[in-house]
Amino acid sequence: MEPLKRYCLALDLKNDPALIAEYEAYHRAVWPEILQSILDSGIRHMEIFRVENRLFMIMETAPGFSFEKKQAADAQNPKVQEWEALMWKYQQGLPAAKPGEKWILMESIFKI
């Protein structure tokens, strides 16, 4: 059996303690449709960590997962589009992000 593949991504939140608290509250009660879309895409495990306003996401995916397929499925899912629009209130792109780009895939530079 092929092992899960791990991806790490980063994103910044707007540096406002009230907005960060709201964002975390949403993530303690993620909408069921969003959780289902994550699982349906082939993501088996996902964790998000925060330090100040920087977020770090770790995803482990099943064989066959692709960001392109997930993006296409999300574009057809009104609930995912609603969630993403709501989350953009709290998020801001990293300095290297293209306009409208959220999570940026990180490059592994060390492993032991």
Protein backbone atom coordinates (compact mmCIF):
# COMPACT_ATOMS: atom_id res chain seq x y z
CA MET A 1 0.00 0.00 0.00
CA GLU A 2 1.33 3.41 -1.00
CA PRO A 3 2.05 5.65 2.00
CA LEU A 4 0.24 8.90 2.64
CA LYS A 5 1.90 11.96 1.13
CA ARG A 6 2.52 14.96 3.37
CA TYR A 7 2.15 18.59 2.34
CA CYS A 8 2.90 21.65 4.46
CA LEU A 9 1.38 25.04 3.70
CA ALA A 10 1.50 28.51 5.23
CA LEU A 11 -0.84 31.49 5.41
CA ASP A 12 -1.11 34.65 7.48
CA LEU A 13 -4.10 35.94 9.39
CA LYS A 14 -4.83 39.62 9.72
CA ASN A 15 -2.88 40.71 12.77
CA ASP A 16 -5.91 41.55 14.93
CA PRO A 17 -6.48 39.57 18.16
CA ALA A 18 -10.28 39.77 17.86
CA LEU A 19 -10.25 38.46 14.29
CA ILE A 20 -7.78 35.71 15.21
CA ALA A 21 -10.08 34.63 18.07
CA GLU A 22 -13.07 34.51 15.69
CA TYR A 23 -11.06 32.49 13.17
CA GLU A 24 -10.08 29.97 15.83
CA ALA A 25 -13.71 29.74 17.01
CA TYR A 26 -14.80 28.81 13.46
CA HIS A 27 -12.12 26.14 13.38
CA ARG A 28 -13.33 24.60 16.63
CA ALA A 29 -16.70 24.04 14.90
CA VAL A 30 -15.94 23.60 11.19
CA TRP A 31 -19.11 23.14 9.15
CA PRO A 32 -19.85 19.46 8.40
CA GLU A 33 -19.95 20.12 4.65
CA ILE A 34 -16.42 21.50 4.80
CA LEU A 35 -15.13 18.50 6.74
CA GLN A 36 -16.79 16.20 4.20
CA SER A 37 -15.26 18.06 1.25
CA ILE A 38 -11.81 17.71 2.84
CA LEU A 39 -12.23 13.96 3.30
CA ASP A 40 -13.82 13.48 -0.15
CA SER A 41 -10.78 15.10 -1.78
CA GLY A 42 -8.43 12.46 -0.40
CA ILE A 43 -7.08 14.41 2.56
CA ARG A 44 -6.80 11.86 5.38
CA HIS A 45 -5.29 14.05 8.12
CA MET A 46 -5.08 17.81 8.49
CA GLU A 47 -3.76 19.99 11.29
CA ILE A 48 -3.37 23.75 11.47
CA PHE A 49 -0.95 25.39 13.90
CA ARG A 50 -0.64 29.08 14.73
CA VAL A 51 2.07 31.36 16.08
CA GLU A 52 0.99 34.98 16.32
CA ASN A 53 -0.76 35.56 12.99
CA ARG A 54 1.15 32.91 10.98
CA LEU A 55 -0.65 29.62 10.20
CA PHE A 56 1.03 26.34 9.30
CA MET A 57 -1.03 23.45 7.87
CA ILE A 58 0.06 19.83 7.61
CA MET A 59 -1.97 17.61 5.28
CA GLU A 60 -1.54 13.91 4.70
CA THR A 61 -3.21 12.69 1.54
CA ALA A 62 -4.21 9.41 -0.01
CA PRO A 63 -2.76 8.23 -3.33
CA GLY A 64 -4.43 10.08 -6.19
CA PHE A 65 -4.90 13.35 -4.31
CA SER A 66 -4.24 16.47 -6.35
CA PHE A 67 -4.60 20.15 -5.55
CA GLU A 68 -6.11 20.66 -9.01
CA LYS A 69 -8.89 18.10 -8.39
CA LYS A 70 -9.60 19.59 -4.96
CA GLN A 71 -9.76 23.10 -6.41
CA ALA A 72 -12.15 21.97 -9.18
CA ALA A 73 -14.44 20.18 -6.69
CA ASP A 74 -14.38 23.18 -4.33
CA ALA A 75 -15.35 25.51 -7.18
CA GLN A 76 -18.51 23.42 -7.71
CA ASN A 77 -19.44 23.30 -4.00
CA PRO A 78 -21.48 26.35 -2.86
CA LYS A 79 -20.88 25.61 0.83
CA VAL A 80 -17.09 25.50 0.33
CA GLN A 81 -17.29 28.77 -1.62
CA GLU A 82 -19.30 30.33 1.25
CA TRP A 83 -16.74 29.10 3.82
CA GLU A 84 -13.78 30.36 1.77
CA ALA A 85 -15.37 33.80 1.33
CA LEU A 86 -16.02 33.98 5.07
CA MET A 87 -12.46 32.88 5.94
CA TRP A 88 -10.98 35.55 3.66
CA LYS A 89 -12.27 38.11 6.21
CA TYR A 90 -9.58 36.79 8.58
CA GLN A 91 -6.82 35.78 6.17
CA GLN A 92 -4.20 37.68 4.23
CA GLY A 93 -1.73 36.32 1.77
CA LEU A 94 1.92 35.85 2.60
CA PRO A 95 4.24 38.52 1.18
CA ALA A 96 5.13 36.13 -1.69
CA ALA A 97 1.47 35.36 -2.50
CA LYS A 98 -0.06 36.24 -5.83
CA PRO A 99 -3.26 38.36 -5.69
CA GLY A 100 -6.08 36.28 -4.16
CA GLU A 101 -3.74 33.40 -3.27
CA LYS A 102 -4.23 31.95 0.19
CA TRP A 103 -2.31 28.90 1.39
CA ILE A 104 1.16 28.54 -0.12
CA LEU A 105 2.87 25.18 -0.40
CA MET A 106 6.09 25.10 1.61
CA GLU A 107 9.32 23.48 0.47
CA SER A 108 10.98 20.91 2.71
CA ILE A 109 14.54 21.98 3.52
CA PHE A 110 15.51 19.48 6.24
CA LYS A 111 14.55 15.95 7.22
CA ILE A 112 16.07 13.36 9.53
